[in-house]
Amino acid sequence: MGDENSEAKMVRAVEMYLESVTRPTLNPHLIEICTDEKALITSVIKVVSQHAVGSKETRVLDVGGGKGWGQEIGELSGVNYEILDILPTNDDPRVICGDICSTNADLPDGTYDVVFSKDTFEHLLEPWAAATEMVRITANGGLVIVIAPFSWRYHPSPVDTFRFSHTAMRYLFERSGQIDPLLAGYILREDISGFWGNRKDWTPNGKPYSECCETIFVGRKRSDTILFDPMTLDSDYSADHGGKEYFSEASPLPAPVDPSHTGFFMTAIRRVLRVLNNSQ
């Protein structure tokens, strides 16, 4: 991507931004992201672009973005934005027709500074192959960003196959020995019951799905390859998991966060609802 000094500054700037939009939760393994997906992806790409050496453009690939979700990113100064999609639905000349689950011969190793995917991995038959291809086409020192559901209603487009914890997402990418994790956490989303005319995304009872939550992973590609150690993943091999302790309003809460973040409001609302339900 550039010289080691500028790359190190870029990584630190990205880490500082990610730290500013995350907060701990009651679960020591879980981190909440307190911003929306587009703001996070756009902000990270801006940071990468600001630290580009000289007049070098920041090459960005949007995996599965054929419906146009990320087109605004292509309008950022200094960004060369392209889309890879197996079923593109528009005539955007920046769209490359291809399958992220296969090797795309037209895309050489290390082509892009940032490769991101939003709400695509749950529609793939082989997300492990997609992770391998994303790592391959990311430049050394570059970033991969993936957003995919942890908990979501069924919505086949064209199919609906997987859900991902932060541990699953880390494993998919870190097992290559080429990705260092910068962020693996969760973002809460609004309740939704489905809206497609053919009803194939509707909930079974028509009621809003109330546990909408997505996993966000950000990783940096190394210039070398290391042996992946599964023990670096969040885990708990204890027999009794520390005994029993049930949540109550007396439980210590994480540090407060800026109330303007949407994640804060969703968390606060759900806590109030839990208290009301328990009091009935």
C-alpha atoms as a PDB file:
ATOM      1  CA  MET A   1       0.000   0.000   0.000  1.00  0.00           C
ATOM      2  CA  GLY A   2       2.861   2.376   0.700  1.00  0.00           C
ATOM      3  CA  ASP A   3       5.963   2.824   2.854  1.00  0.00           C
ATOM      4  CA  GLU A   4       6.021   1.276   6.333  1.00  0.00           C
ATOM      5  CA  ASN A   5       5.743   4.635   8.123  1.00  0.00           C
ATOM      6  CA  SER A   6       2.614   5.774   6.279  1.00  0.00           C
ATOM      7  CA  GLU A   7       1.101   2.311   6.614  1.00  0.00           C
ATOM      8  CA  ALA A   8       1.673   2.272  10.371  1.00  0.00           C
ATOM      9  CA  LYS A   9       0.058   5.716  10.679  1.00  0.00           C
ATOM     10  CA  MET A  10      -2.922   4.517   8.644  1.00  0.00           C
ATOM     11  CA  VAL A  11      -3.411   1.440  10.823  1.00  0.00           C
ATOM     12  CA  ARG A  12      -3.242   3.496  14.002  1.00  0.00           C
ATOM     13  CA  ALA A  13      -5.723   6.039  12.608  1.00  0.00           C
ATOM     14  CA  VAL A  14      -8.122   3.219  11.702  1.00  0.00           C
ATOM     15  CA  GLU A  15      -7.735   1.686  15.163  1.00  0.00           C
ATOM     16  CA  MET A  16      -8.440   5.036  16.820  1.00  0.00           C
ATOM     17  CA  TYR A  17     -11.596   5.486  14.763  1.00  0.00           C
ATOM     18  CA  LEU A  18     -12.817   1.969  15.559  1.00  0.00           C
ATOM     19  CA  GLU A  19     -12.134   2.524  19.252  1.00  0.00           C
ATOM     20  CA  SER A  20     -14.259   5.681  19.115  1.00  0.00           C
ATOM     21  CA  VAL A  21     -17.349   3.830  17.851  1.00  0.00           C
ATOM     22  CA  THR A  22     -17.202   0.726  20.048  1.00  0.00           C
ATOM     23  CA  ARG A  23     -17.981  -0.006  23.642  1.00  0.00           C
ATOM     24  CA  PRO A  24     -17.864  -3.047  25.946  1.00  0.00           C
ATOM     25  CA  THR A  25     -20.948  -4.973  27.015  1.00  0.00           C
ATOM     26  CA  LEU A  26     -21.798  -7.112  30.036  1.00  0.00           C
ATOM     27  CA  ASN A  27     -20.306 -10.058  28.160  1.00  0.00           C
ATOM     28  CA  PRO A  28     -16.485  -9.739  28.143  1.00  0.00           C
ATOM     29  CA  HIS A  29     -16.336 -11.434  24.721  1.00  0.00           C
ATOM     30  CA  LEU A  30     -18.811  -9.112  23.006  1.00  0.00           C
ATOM     31  CA  ILE A  31     -18.233  -5.597  21.707  1.00  0.00           C
ATOM     32  CA  GLU A  32     -21.011  -3.288  20.530  1.00  0.00           C
ATOM     33  CA  ILE A  33     -20.466  -1.015  17.544  1.00  0.00           C
ATOM     34  CA  CYS A  34     -22.266   2.280  18.099  1.00  0.00           C
ATOM     35  CA  THR A  35     -22.615   3.585  14.552  1.00  0.00           C
ATOM     36  CA  ASP A  36     -24.279   2.431  11.340  1.00  0.00           C
ATOM     37  CA  GLU A  37     -22.628   0.216   8.732  1.00  0.00           C
ATOM     38  CA  LYS A  38     -22.284   2.784   5.974  1.00  0.00           C
ATOM     39  CA  ALA A  39     -20.728   5.327   8.334  1.00  0.00           C
ATOM     40  CA  LEU A  40     -18.198   2.755   9.543  1.00  0.00           C
ATOM     41  CA  ILE A  41     -17.170   1.562   6.075  1.00  0.00           C
ATOM     42  CA  THR A  42     -17.051   5.091   4.660  1.00  0.00           C
ATOM     43  CA  SER A  43     -15.014   6.414   7.586  1.00  0.00           C
ATOM     44  CA  VAL A  44     -12.467   3.602   7.370  1.00  0.00           C
ATOM     45  CA  ILE A  45     -12.046   4.116   3.611  1.00  0.00           C
ATOM     46  CA  LYS A  46     -11.562   7.850   4.157  1.00  0.00           C
ATOM     47  CA  VAL A  47      -8.809   7.155   6.664  1.00  0.00           C
ATOM     48  CA  VAL A  48      -7.065   4.779   4.256  1.00  0.00           C
ATOM     49  CA  SER A  49      -7.350   7.316   1.436  1.00  0.00           C
ATOM     50  CA  GLN A  50      -6.000  10.153   3.595  1.00  0.00           C
ATOM     51  CA  HIS A  51      -2.870   8.119   4.278  1.00  0.00           C
ATOM     52  CA  ALA A  52      -2.249   7.111   0.667  1.00  0.00           C
ATOM     53  CA  VAL A  53       1.240   7.949  -0.534  1.00  0.00           C
ATOM     54  CA  GLY A  54       1.459  10.815  -3.025  1.00  0.00           C
ATOM     55  CA  SER A  55      -1.362  10.916  -5.576  1.00  0.00           C
ATOM     56  CA  LYS A  56      -2.051   7.183  -5.383  1.00  0.00           C
ATOM     57  CA  GLU A  57      -5.738   6.334  -5.538  1.00  0.00           C
ATOM     58  CA  THR A  58      -7.244   4.021  -2.943  1.00  0.00           C
ATOM     59  CA  ARG A  59      -8.668   1.029  -4.777  1.00  0.00           C
ATOM     60  CA  VAL A  60     -11.850  -0.291  -3.169  1.00  0.00           C
ATOM     61  CA  LEU A  61     -13.894  -3.385  -4.045  1.00  0.00           C
ATOM     62  CA  ASP A  62     -17.500  -3.759  -2.906  1.00  0.00           C
ATOM     63  CA  VAL A  63     -18.285  -7.489  -2.854  1.00  0.00           C
ATOM     64  CA  GLY A  64     -21.937  -8.162  -3.590  1.00  0.00           C
ATOM     65  CA  GLY A  65     -22.812  -4.484  -4.009  1.00  0.00           C
ATOM     66  CA  GLY A  66     -24.497  -4.796  -7.397  1.00  0.00           C
ATOM     67  CA  LYS A  67     -27.734  -3.247  -6.131  1.00  0.00           C
ATOM     68  CA  GLY A  68     -25.966   0.052  -5.505  1.00  0.00           C
ATOM     69  CA  TRP A  69     -25.781   0.238  -1.705  1.00  0.00           C
ATOM     70  CA  GLY A  70     -22.228   1.558  -1.699  1.00  0.00           C
ATOM     71  CA  GLN A  71     -22.285   3.864  -4.716  1.00  0.00           C
ATOM     72  CA  GLU A  72     -21.751   6.939  -2.523  1.00  0.00           C
ATOM     73  CA  ILE A  73     -18.364   5.519  -1.545  1.00  0.00           C
ATOM     74  CA  GLY A  74     -17.357   5.745  -5.193  1.00  0.00           C
ATOM     75  CA  GLU A  75     -17.854   9.511  -4.998  1.00  0.00           C
ATOM     76  CA  LEU A  76     -15.193   9.946  -2.314  1.00  0.00           C
ATOM     77  CA  SER A  77     -12.154  11.923  -3.393  1.00  0.00           C
ATOM     78  CA  GLY A  78      -9.117   9.775  -4.166  1.00  0.00           C
ATOM     79  CA  VAL A  79     -11.105   6.528  -4.236  1.00  0.00           C
ATOM     80  CA  ASN A  80     -11.303   4.147  -7.187  1.00  0.00           C
ATOM     81  CA  TYR A  81     -14.465   2.169  -6.425  1.00  0.00           C
ATOM     82  CA  GLU A  82     -15.456  -1.097  -8.123  1.00  0.00           C
ATOM     83  CA  ILE A  83     -18.117  -3.726  -7.484  1.00  0.00           C
ATOM     84  CA  LEU A  84     -17.948  -7.504  -7.762  1.00  0.00           C
ATOM     85  CA  ASP A  85     -21.331  -9.191  -8.043  1.00  0.00           C
ATOM     86  CA  ILE A  86     -22.591 -12.479  -9.452  1.00  0.00           C
ATOM     87  CA  LEU A  87     -26.016 -10.970 -10.216  1.00  0.00           C
ATOM     88  CA  PRO A  88     -25.558  -7.227 -10.872  1.00  0.00           C
ATOM     89  CA  THR A  89     -28.861  -5.378 -11.229  1.00  0.00           C
ATOM     90  CA  ASN A  90     -27.666  -2.138 -12.798  1.00  0.00           C
ATOM     91  CA  ASP A  91     -25.532  -0.951 -15.710  1.00  0.00           C
ATOM     92  CA  ASP A  92     -22.851   0.713 -13.596  1.00  0.00           C
ATOM     93  CA  PRO A  93     -19.596   0.420 -15.593  1.00  0.00           C
ATOM     94  CA  ARG A  94     -17.747  -0.147 -12.338  1.00  0.00           C
ATOM     95  CA  VAL A  95     -19.467  -3.511 -11.870  1.00  0.00           C
ATOM     96  CA  ILE A  96     -17.391  -6.642 -12.429  1.00  0.00           C
ATOM     97  CA  CYS A  97     -19.484  -9.764 -12.955  1.00  0.00           C
ATOM     98  CA  GLY A  98     -17.867 -12.502 -10.895  1.00  0.00           C
ATOM     99  CA  ASP A  99     -18.229 -14.996  -8.059  1.00  0.00           C
ATOM    100  CA  ILE A 100     -16.415 -14.200  -4.815  1.00  0.00           C
ATOM    101  CA  CYS A 101     -16.549 -17.913  -3.945  1.00  0.00           C
ATOM    102  CA  SER A 102     -14.243 -18.670  -6.891  1.00  0.00           C
ATOM    103  CA  THR A 103     -10.877 -17.387  -8.051  1.00  0.00           C
ATOM    104  CA  ASN A 104     -11.486 -14.386 -10.305  1.00  0.00           C
ATOM    105  CA  ALA A 105      -8.672 -14.600 -12.844  1.00  0.00           C
ATOM    106  CA  ASP A 106      -9.223 -11.008 -13.984  1.00  0.00           C
ATOM    107  CA  LEU A 107      -8.354  -9.744 -10.492  1.00  0.00           C
ATOM    108  CA  PRO A 108      -4.638 -10.220  -9.718  1.00  0.00           C
ATOM    109  CA  ASP A 109      -3.347 -10.864  -6.205  1.00  0.00           C
ATOM    110  CA  GLY A 110      -3.274  -7.731  -4.047  1.00  0.00           C
ATOM    111  CA  THR A 111      -5.377  -5.585  -6.384  1.00  0.00           C
ATOM    112  CA  TYR A 112      -7.310  -3.597  -3.757  1.00  0.00           C
ATOM    113  CA  ASP A 113      -6.484  -1.489  -0.718  1.00  0.00           C
ATOM    114  CA  VAL A 114      -9.898  -2.147   0.830  1.00  0.00           C
ATOM    115  CA  VAL A 115     -12.200  -5.077   0.090  1.00  0.00           C
ATOM    116  CA  PHE A 116     -15.556  -4.924   1.855  1.00  0.00           C
ATOM    117  CA  SER A 117     -18.789  -6.875   1.847  1.00  0.00           C
ATOM    118  CA  LYS A 118     -22.107  -5.875   3.376  1.00  0.00           C
ATOM    119  CA  ASP A 119     -24.976  -8.336   3.834  1.00  0.00           C
ATOM    120  CA  THR A 120     -23.609 -10.806   1.287  1.00  0.00           C
ATOM    121  CA  PHE A 121     -21.973 -13.613   3.259  1.00  0.00           C
ATOM    122  CA  GLU A 122     -25.334 -14.944   4.482  1.00  0.00           C
ATOM    123  CA  HIS A 123     -26.285 -15.526   0.831  1.00  0.00           C
ATOM    124  CA  LEU A 124     -23.180 -17.532  -0.093  1.00  0.00           C
ATOM    125  CA  LEU A 125     -22.919 -21.305  -0.355  1.00  0.00           C
ATOM    126  CA  GLU A 126     -19.205 -21.258   0.485  1.00  0.00           C
ATOM    127  CA  PRO A 127     -18.332 -18.265   2.672  1.00  0.00           C
ATOM    128  CA  TRP A 128     -14.967 -19.864   3.538  1.00  0.00           C
ATOM    129  CA  ALA A 129     -14.041 -19.726  -0.166  1.00  0.00           C
ATOM    130  CA  ALA A 130     -15.210 -16.106  -0.310  1.00  0.00           C
ATOM    131  CA  ALA A 131     -12.964 -15.209   2.626  1.00  0.00           C
ATOM    132  CA  THR A 132      -9.992 -16.832   0.872  1.00  0.00           C
ATOM    133  CA  GLU A 133     -10.641 -14.876  -2.326  1.00  0.00           C
ATOM    134  CA  MET A 134     -11.102 -11.597  -0.456  1.00  0.00           C
ATOM    135  CA  VAL A 135      -7.759 -12.093   1.276  1.00  0.00           C
ATOM    136  CA  ARG A 136      -6.063 -12.933  -2.022  1.00  0.00           C
ATOM    137  CA  ILE A 137      -7.159  -9.786  -3.830  1.00  0.00           C
ATOM    138  CA  THR A 138      -6.400  -7.481  -0.872  1.00  0.00           C
ATOM    139  CA  ALA A 139      -3.023  -5.740  -0.993  1.00  0.00           C
ATOM    140  CA  ASN A 140      -0.481  -6.301   1.758  1.00  0.00           C
ATOM    141  CA  GLY A 141      -1.308  -3.770   4.458  1.00  0.00           C
ATOM    142  CA  GLY A 142      -4.818  -3.422   3.061  1.00  0.00           C
ATOM    143  CA  LEU A 143      -8.107  -3.965   4.874  1.00  0.00           C
ATOM    144  CA  VAL A 144     -10.983  -6.418   4.654  1.00  0.00           C
ATOM    145  CA  ILE A 145     -14.358  -5.402   6.102  1.00  0.00           C
ATOM    146  CA  VAL A 146     -17.293  -7.793   6.358  1.00  0.00           C
ATOM    147  CA  ILE A 147     -20.776  -7.134   7.711  1.00  0.00           C
ATOM    148  CA  ALA A 148     -23.152 -10.085   7.932  1.00  0.00           C
ATOM    149  CA  PRO A 149     -26.082 -11.144  10.137  1.00  0.00           C
ATOM    150  CA  PHE A 150     -25.635 -12.840  13.471  1.00  0.00           C
ATOM    151  CA  SER A 151     -29.397 -12.923  14.047  1.00  0.00           C
ATOM    152  CA  TRP A 152     -31.837 -12.128  11.241  1.00  0.00           C
ATOM    153  CA  ARG A 153     -35.056 -13.204   9.558  1.00  0.00           C
ATOM    154  CA  TYR A 154     -34.950 -15.612   6.610  1.00  0.00           C
ATOM    155  CA  HIS A 155     -34.466 -13.689   3.339  1.00  0.00           C
ATOM    156  CA  PRO A 156     -33.313 -15.714   0.288  1.00  0.00           C
ATOM    157  CA  SER A 157     -31.559 -13.476  -2.246  1.00  0.00           C
ATOM    158  CA  PRO A 158     -31.003 -15.719  -4.131  1.00  0.00           C
ATOM    159  CA  VAL A 159     -30.490 -18.106  -1.185  1.00  0.00           C
ATOM    160  CA  ASP A 160     -30.177 -17.627   2.566  1.00  0.00           C
ATOM    161  CA  THR A 161     -27.594 -19.948   4.091  1.00  0.00           C
ATOM    162  CA  PHE A 162     -25.552 -18.834   7.126  1.00  0.00           C
ATOM    163  CA  ARG A 163     -25.390 -16.633  10.215  1.00  0.00           C
ATOM    164  CA  PHE A 164     -22.074 -15.556  11.763  1.00  0.00           C
ATOM    165  CA  SER A 165     -20.754 -14.888  15.241  1.00  0.00           C
ATOM    166  CA  HIS A 166     -17.710 -12.656  15.615  1.00  0.00           C
ATOM    167  CA  THR A 167     -15.687 -15.807  16.321  1.00  0.00           C
ATOM    168  CA  ALA A 168     -16.831 -17.434  13.090  1.00  0.00           C
ATOM    169  CA  MET A 169     -15.917 -14.320  11.122  1.00  0.00           C
ATOM    170  CA  ARG A 170     -12.510 -14.120  12.744  1.00  0.00           C
ATOM    171  CA  TYR A 171     -11.826 -17.759  11.957  1.00  0.00           C
ATOM    172  CA  LEU A 172     -12.871 -17.440   8.314  1.00  0.00           C
ATOM    173  CA  PHE A 173     -10.270 -14.739   7.752  1.00  0.00           C
ATOM    174  CA  GLU A 174      -7.537 -15.338  10.320  1.00  0.00           C
ATOM    175  CA  ARG A 175      -7.110 -19.035   9.484  1.00  0.00           C
ATOM    176  CA  SER A 176      -5.201 -17.894   6.386  1.00  0.00           C
ATOM    177  CA  GLY A 177      -2.406 -16.650   8.627  1.00  0.00           C
ATOM    178  CA  GLN A 178      -2.480 -13.404   6.652  1.00  0.00           C
ATOM    179  CA  ILE A 179      -5.093 -11.340   8.501  1.00  0.00           C
ATOM    180  CA  ASP A 180      -4.682  -9.495  11.791  1.00  0.00           C
ATOM    181  CA  PRO A 181      -8.012  -8.554  13.434  1.00  0.00           C
ATOM    182  CA  LEU A 182      -8.707  -4.891  14.113  1.00  0.00           C
ATOM    183  CA  LEU A 183     -12.371  -5.250  15.108  1.00  0.00           C
ATOM    184  CA  ALA A 184     -14.880  -8.042  15.637  1.00  0.00           C
ATOM    185  CA  GLY A 185     -18.152  -6.941  17.191  1.00  0.00           C
ATOM    186  CA  TYR A 186     -21.873  -6.444  16.796  1.00  0.00           C
ATOM    187  CA  ILE A 187     -24.313  -3.771  15.750  1.00  0.00           C
ATOM    188  CA  LEU A 188     -27.999  -3.812  16.715  1.00  0.00           C
ATOM    189  CA  ARG A 189     -30.543  -3.099  14.005  1.00  0.00           C
ATOM    190  CA  GLU A 190     -34.200  -2.110  13.900  1.00  0.00           C
ATOM    191  CA  ASP A 191     -36.926  -4.753  14.172  1.00  0.00           C
ATOM    192  CA  ILE A 192     -38.351  -5.871  10.836  1.00  0.00           C
ATOM    193  CA  SER A 193     -41.005  -8.333   9.672  1.00  0.00           C
ATOM    194  CA  GLY A 194     -40.216  -8.437   5.938  1.00  0.00           C
ATOM    195  CA  PHE A 195     -41.451  -6.423   2.980  1.00  0.00           C
ATOM    196  CA  TRP A 196     -41.044  -8.408  -0.249  1.00  0.00           C
ATOM    197  CA  GLY A 197     -44.087  -8.675  -2.475  1.00  0.00           C
ATOM    198  CA  ASN A 198     -43.678 -12.438  -2.829  1.00  0.00           C
ATOM    199  CA  ARG A 199     -43.504 -12.759   0.988  1.00  0.00           C
ATOM    200  CA  LYS A 200     -40.360 -14.905   0.845  1.00  0.00           C
ATOM    201  CA  ASP A 201     -38.707 -12.695   3.456  1.00  0.00           C
ATOM    202  CA  TRP A 202     -41.739 -12.458   5.759  1.00  0.00           C
ATOM    203  CA  THR A 203     -41.570 -13.758   9.323  1.00  0.00           C
ATOM    204  CA  PRO A 204     -43.755 -16.856   9.902  1.00  0.00           C
ATOM    205  CA  ASN A 205     -46.259 -14.989  12.080  1.00  0.00           C
ATOM    206  CA  GLY A 206     -45.993 -11.582  10.418  1.00  0.00           C
ATOM    207  CA  LYS A 207     -44.606 -10.001  13.586  1.00  0.00           C
ATOM    208  CA  PRO A 208     -41.374  -7.976  13.453  1.00  0.00           C
ATOM    209  CA  TYR A 209     -38.213  -9.985  14.043  1.00  0.00           C
ATOM    210  CA  SER A 210     -36.967  -8.338  17.219  1.00  0.00           C
ATOM    211  CA  GLU A 211     -33.407  -9.623  17.559  1.00  0.00           C
ATOM    212  CA  CYS A 212     -31.799  -8.115  14.453  1.00  0.00           C
ATOM    213  CA  CYS A 213     -28.074  -8.056  15.037  1.00  0.00           C
ATOM    214  CA  GLU A 214     -25.137  -7.998  12.638  1.00  0.00           C
ATOM    215  CA  THR A 215     -21.495  -8.990  13.002  1.00  0.00           C
ATOM    216  CA  ILE A 216     -18.815  -6.586  11.809  1.00  0.00           C
ATOM    217  CA  PHE A 217     -15.256  -7.713  11.174  1.00  0.00           C
ATOM    218  CA  VAL A 218     -12.319  -5.520  10.160  1.00  0.00           C
ATOM    219  CA  GLY A 219      -8.930  -7.075   9.475  1.00  0.00           C
ATOM    220  CA  ARG A 220      -5.579  -6.006   8.044  1.00  0.00           C
ATOM    221  CA  LYS A 221      -3.595  -8.138   5.619  1.00  0.00           C
ATOM    222  CA  ARG A 222      -0.063  -8.980   6.676  1.00  0.00           C
ATOM    223  CA  SER A 223       2.912  -8.900   4.331  1.00  0.00           C
ATOM    224  CA  ASP A 224       3.954 -12.312   5.662  1.00  0.00           C
ATOM    225  CA  THR A 225       2.102 -15.468   6.670  1.00  0.00           C
ATOM    226  CA  ILE A 226       1.996 -16.817  10.221  1.00  0.00           C
ATOM    227  CA  LEU A 227       0.661 -20.071  11.653  1.00  0.00           C
ATOM    228  CA  PHE A 228      -2.901 -19.509  12.851  1.00  0.00           C
ATOM    229  CA  ASP A 229      -3.565 -20.513  16.455  1.00  0.00           C
ATOM    230  CA  PRO A 230      -7.261 -21.321  17.173  1.00  0.00           C
ATOM    231  CA  MET A 231      -6.622 -20.592  20.849  1.00  0.00           C
ATOM    232  CA  THR A 232      -6.450 -16.888  19.992  1.00  0.00           C
ATOM    233  CA  LEU A 233     -10.217 -16.957  19.343  1.00  0.00           C
ATOM    234  CA  ASP A 234     -12.628 -16.030  22.121  1.00  0.00           C
ATOM    235  CA  SER A 235     -13.468 -19.237  23.961  1.00  0.00           C
ATOM    236  CA  ASP A 236     -14.401 -20.750  27.317  1.00  0.00           C
ATOM    237  CA  TYR A 237     -13.216 -24.288  27.985  1.00  0.00           C
ATOM    238  CA  SER A 238     -14.116 -24.242  31.687  1.00  0.00           C
ATOM    239  CA  ALA A 239     -16.392 -26.961  33.002  1.00  0.00           C
ATOM    240  CA  ASP A 240     -18.836 -24.767  34.885  1.00  0.00           C
ATOM    241  CA  HIS A 241     -18.330 -21.446  33.035  1.00  0.00           C
ATOM    242  CA  GLY A 242     -17.677 -19.644  36.303  1.00  0.00           C
ATOM    243  CA  GLY A 243     -20.775 -20.886  38.078  1.00  0.00           C
ATOM    244  CA  LYS A 244     -24.106 -19.111  37.814  1.00  0.00           C
ATOM    245  CA  GLU A 245     -24.852 -15.406  37.859  1.00  0.00           C
ATOM    246  CA  TYR A 246     -28.090 -14.029  36.465  1.00  0.00           C
ATOM    247  CA  PHE A 247     -28.551 -10.564  35.023  1.00  0.00           C
ATOM    248  CA  SER A 248     -30.237  -8.011  37.223  1.00  0.00           C
ATOM    249  CA  GLU A 249     -30.507  -4.267  37.312  1.00  0.00           C
ATOM    250  CA  ALA A 250     -27.800  -4.353  39.987  1.00  0.00           C
ATOM    251  CA  SER A 251     -25.318  -5.883  37.524  1.00  0.00           C
ATOM    252  CA  PRO A 252     -22.425  -3.567  36.670  1.00  0.00           C
ATOM    253  CA  LEU A 253     -23.043  -1.877  33.337  1.00  0.00           C
ATOM    254  CA  PRO A 254     -20.401  -0.902  30.774  1.00  0.00           C
ATOM    255  CA  ALA A 255     -19.138   2.654  30.539  1.00  0.00           C
ATOM    256  CA  PRO A 256     -21.626   5.132  29.027  1.00  0.00           C
ATOM    257  CA  VAL A 257     -21.459   6.085  25.374  1.00  0.00           C
ATOM    258  CA  ASP A 258     -22.546   9.083  23.317  1.00  0.00           C
ATOM    259  CA  PRO A 259     -26.395   8.844  23.263  1.00  0.00           C
ATOM    260  CA  SER A 260     -26.419  10.001  19.631  1.00  0.00           C
ATOM    261  CA  HIS A 261     -25.217   6.540  18.597  1.00  0.00           C
ATOM    262  CA  THR A 262     -28.090   4.367  17.389  1.00  0.00           C
ATOM    263  CA  GLY A 263     -26.694   1.285  19.094  1.00  0.00           C
ATOM    264  CA  PHE A 264     -27.028   3.007  22.463  1.00  0.00           C
ATOM    265  CA  PHE A 265     -30.736   3.691  21.909  1.00  0.00           C
ATOM    266  CA  MET A 266     -31.462   0.116  20.815  1.00  0.00           C
ATOM    267  CA  THR A 267     -29.656  -1.292  23.842  1.00  0.00           C
ATOM    268  CA  ALA A 268     -31.392   1.093  26.236  1.00  0.00           C
ATOM    269  CA  ILE A 269     -34.839   0.333  24.819  1.00  0.00           C
ATOM    270  CA  ARG A 270     -34.320  -3.418  25.070  1.00  0.00           C
ATOM    271  CA  ARG A 271     -33.107  -3.140  28.656  1.00  0.00           C
ATOM    272  CA  VAL A 272     -36.231  -1.180  29.594  1.00  0.00           C
ATOM    273  CA  LEU A 273     -38.426  -3.792  27.906  1.00  0.00           C
ATOM    274  CA  ARG A 274     -36.679  -6.593  29.806  1.00  0.00           C
ATOM    275  CA  VAL A 275     -37.299  -4.817  33.125  1.00  0.00           C
ATOM    276  CA  LEU A 276     -40.981  -4.242  32.274  1.00  0.00           C
ATOM    277  CA  ASN A 277     -41.449  -7.880  31.213  1.00  0.00           C
ATOM    278  CA  ASN A 278     -39.796  -9.168  34.382  1.00  0.00           C
ATOM    279  CA  SER A 279     -41.997  -6.975  36.552  1.00  0.00           C
ATOM    280  CA  GLN A 280     -45.238  -8.359  35.123  1.00  0.00           C
END
